[in-house]
Protein backbone atom coordinates (compact mmCIF):
# COMPACT_ATOMS: atom_id res chain seq x y z
CA MET A 1 -7.46 37.80 17.78
CA ALA A 2 -6.72 41.16 19.36
CA LYS A 3 -4.75 41.48 22.58
CA ARG A 4 -7.76 42.88 24.42
CA ASP A 5 -9.91 39.92 23.28
CA ARG A 6 -7.31 37.43 24.51
CA GLN A 7 -7.08 39.16 27.86
CA GLU A 8 -10.85 39.21 28.24
CA ARG A 9 -11.12 35.52 27.33
CA TYR A 10 -8.37 34.71 29.87
CA LYS A 11 -10.34 36.52 32.58
CA THR A 12 -13.74 35.03 31.71
CA SER A 13 -13.02 31.44 30.69
CA GLY A 14 -9.27 30.92 31.05
CA ALA A 15 -6.99 30.31 34.00
CA ALA A 16 -7.97 33.62 35.63
CA ALA A 17 -11.72 33.01 35.41
CA ASP A 18 -12.12 32.43 39.13
CA LEU A 19 -9.59 35.01 40.36
CA VAL A 20 -10.37 38.59 41.35
CA LYS A 21 -8.31 41.68 40.78
CA VAL A 22 -7.24 43.54 43.92
CA GLU A 23 -5.74 47.03 43.92
CA THR A 24 -4.27 48.60 47.03
CA LEU A 25 -1.87 51.32 48.02
CA VAL A 26 1.16 50.19 50.01
CA PRO A 27 4.46 51.80 50.94
CA PRO A 28 7.28 51.12 48.43
CA GLN A 29 9.12 48.78 50.79
CA GLY A 30 5.98 46.57 51.12
CA ARG A 31 5.46 46.09 47.36
CA ALA A 32 7.65 42.99 47.10
CA GLN A 33 5.89 41.34 50.06
CA ILE A 34 2.43 41.96 48.54
CA LEU A 35 3.51 40.58 45.14
CA ALA A 36 5.07 37.51 46.79
CA LEU A 37 1.91 36.91 48.82
CA ALA A 38 -0.25 37.25 45.68
CA ALA A 39 1.94 34.76 43.79
CA LYS A 40 1.76 32.32 46.71
CA LEU A 41 -2.04 32.59 46.90
CA ARG A 42 -2.42 32.07 43.13
CA ASP A 43 -0.15 29.03 43.25
CA GLU A 44 -2.07 27.47 46.16
CA HIS A 45 -5.37 28.16 44.42
CA ARG A 46 -4.25 26.50 41.17
CA ARG A 47 -2.87 23.46 42.96
CA ALA A 48 -6.04 23.00 44.97
CA LYS A 49 -8.12 23.44 41.84
CA THR A 50 -6.39 20.73 39.78
CA PRO A 51 -7.71 17.32 40.83
CA LEU A 52 -5.71 14.17 40.27
CA ILE A 53 -6.71 12.27 37.16
CA ASP A 54 -8.00 8.76 37.81
CA VAL A 55 -6.56 6.97 34.79
CA ALA A 56 -8.08 3.61 35.72
CA SER A 57 -11.63 5.00 35.68
CA ILE A 58 -11.04 6.73 32.34
CA VAL A 59 -9.74 3.50 30.81
CA ALA A 60 -12.77 1.65 32.19
CA GLN A 61 -15.12 4.23 30.66
CA VAL A 62 -13.40 3.94 27.27
CA ARG A 63 -13.59 0.14 27.37
CA ALA A 64 -17.27 0.28 28.29
CA ALA A 65 -17.95 2.67 25.42
CA CYS A 66 -16.01 0.46 22.99
CA ARG A 67 -18.03 -2.62 23.94
CA THR A 68 -21.18 -0.98 22.58
CA GLN A 69 -19.57 -0.22 19.20
CA PRO A 70 -19.53 -2.71 16.31
CA ARG A 71 -16.25 -4.48 15.62
CA ARG A 72 -16.10 -3.49 11.96
CA TYR A 73 -12.98 -1.40 12.54
CA THR A 74 -10.94 -4.30 13.85
CA GLN A 75 -11.74 -6.80 11.10
CA PRO A 76 -9.02 -7.37 8.51
CA SER A 77 -9.48 -5.43 5.31
CA ASP A 78 -10.62 -7.24 2.19
CA ILE A 79 -7.61 -7.19 -0.14
CA ASP A 80 -9.75 -7.69 -3.25
CA THR A 81 -11.78 -4.58 -2.49
CA LEU A 82 -8.67 -2.53 -1.76
CA VAL A 83 -6.84 -3.61 -4.90
CA ILE A 84 -9.78 -3.46 -7.30
CA THR A 85 -10.87 -0.06 -6.02
CA SER A 86 -7.45 1.45 -6.66
CA VAL A 87 -7.00 -0.34 -10.00
CA ASN A 88 -10.40 0.68 -11.39
CA VAL A 89 -10.25 4.37 -10.44
CA PRO A 90 -9.21 5.93 -13.76
CA PHE A 91 -10.92 3.50 -16.13
CA PRO A 92 -14.51 3.53 -17.43
CA HIS A 93 -14.76 -0.30 -17.59
CA PRO A 94 -14.06 -1.89 -14.19
CA ILE A 95 -12.21 -5.17 -13.90
CA SER A 96 -13.14 -7.80 -11.31
CA ALA A 97 -10.66 -9.37 -8.93
CA GLU A 98 -11.16 -12.74 -10.61
CA SER A 99 -10.50 -11.31 -14.10
CA LEU A 100 -7.33 -9.64 -12.86
CA ALA A 101 -6.09 -12.85 -11.25
CA ASP A 102 -7.10 -14.91 -14.29
CA ALA A 103 -5.08 -12.69 -16.66
CA ILE A 104 -1.98 -13.16 -14.51
CA ARG A 105 -2.52 -16.93 -14.22
CA ARG A 106 -2.98 -17.28 -18.00
CA ASP A 107 -0.01 -14.99 -18.69
CA THR A 108 -2.07 -12.83 -21.07
CA VAL A 109 -2.85 -9.14 -21.28
CA PRO A 110 -6.30 -8.65 -22.76
CA ALA A 111 -6.36 -5.27 -24.54
CA VAL A 112 -9.35 -4.06 -22.54
CA TRP A 113 -7.50 -4.72 -19.25
CA ALA A 114 -3.97 -3.58 -20.17
CA GLY A 115 -4.28 -0.34 -18.19
CA HIS A 116 -5.71 -2.15 -15.19
CA LEU A 117 -2.88 -4.68 -15.15
CA GLY A 118 -0.30 -1.92 -15.58
CA ARG A 119 -1.80 0.03 -12.70
CA PHE A 120 -1.98 -3.09 -10.52
CA LEU A 121 1.67 -3.99 -10.99
CA GLY A 122 2.96 -0.43 -11.26
CA GLU A 123 1.14 1.49 -8.54
CA VAL A 124 -0.44 -0.83 -5.97
CA PRO A 125 1.84 -1.30 -2.91
CA LEU A 126 4.01 -4.41 -3.09
CA VAL A 127 2.48 -5.88 0.08
CA SER A 128 -1.01 -5.56 -1.41
CA ILE A 129 0.11 -7.22 -4.66
CA LEU A 130 1.54 -10.15 -2.71
CA ARG A 131 -1.57 -10.48 -0.51
CA PHE A 132 -3.79 -10.40 -3.61
CA CYS A 133 -1.69 -13.11 -5.29
CA ASP A 134 -1.76 -15.26 -2.15
CA ARG A 135 -5.52 -14.95 -1.94
CA HIS A 136 -6.00 -16.00 -5.56
CA GLY A 137 -3.45 -18.80 -5.55
CA ILE A 138 -1.00 -17.06 -7.89
CA LYS A 139 2.43 -18.49 -7.11
CA ALA A 140 5.67 -16.53 -7.35
CA PRO A 141 6.82 -18.23 -10.60
CA ALA A 142 3.56 -17.31 -12.36
CA LEU A 143 3.76 -13.70 -11.20
CA ALA A 144 7.45 -13.48 -12.15
CA ARG A 145 6.72 -14.92 -15.61
CA PHE A 146 3.93 -12.40 -16.13
CA VAL A 147 5.98 -9.41 -14.95
CA ARG A 148 9.05 -10.37 -16.97
CA GLY A 149 7.05 -11.21 -20.08
CA HIS A 150 4.83 -8.13 -20.14
CA SER A 151 6.93 -5.35 -18.56
CA ALA A 152 7.57 -3.63 -21.89
CA GLU A 153 3.96 -3.98 -23.03
CA LEU A 154 2.64 -2.55 -19.76
CA ALA A 155 5.46 0.04 -19.46
CA LEU A 156 6.38 -1.32 -16.02
CA ARG A 157 9.28 0.09 -14.08
CA ARG A 158 8.99 -1.28 -10.56
CA PRO A 159 12.45 -2.09 -9.14
CA GLU A 160 11.24 -3.32 -5.73
CA LEU A 161 8.81 -5.77 -7.36
CA GLU A 162 11.49 -7.02 -9.74
CA GLU A 163 14.01 -7.42 -6.89
CA HIS A 164 11.47 -9.30 -4.79
CA LEU A 165 10.63 -11.65 -7.65
CA ASN A 166 14.33 -12.16 -8.51
CA VAL A 167 14.96 -13.34 -4.95
CA LEU A 168 12.02 -15.78 -5.09
CA VAL A 169 12.39 -16.85 -8.72
CA PRO A 170 15.85 -16.17 -10.14
CA ALA A 171 15.84 -15.24 -13.83
CA ALA A 172 17.04 -18.06 -16.07
């Protein structure tokens, strides 16, 4: 934006929108007094123009507006949907949450789901993995057995998951 455009915007819609330009001829010794008076008048004008903000009324308005909105944003997220959505992204054949949990419970890696299981254990955040396992009744020993038994097959390298499982279920 050009300098002239900025100046024009300042005068029409900015802080100077309701000020007027005054030009006058004064003796040299009166210049400082005129500039000081102009600064004082601008300062008084700006202070008088800025009303105090009533925070309580703004908060009340926000609360009233929020009451009319559905509560869908405050409900806990569905861990199955979150996990399955991220696990299924790159694959043409989607896996269900129950199939994923069943494979871990049975300690098997069906060939068609190997990529899904690898992505689940290798890329999904640890907290989400643990929430998913809690929801489907997969206990720490079963998850540890699955991870330890199939890490090479699934090409898993997830130190924080291994450390977490080693604390819960020490390796024999």
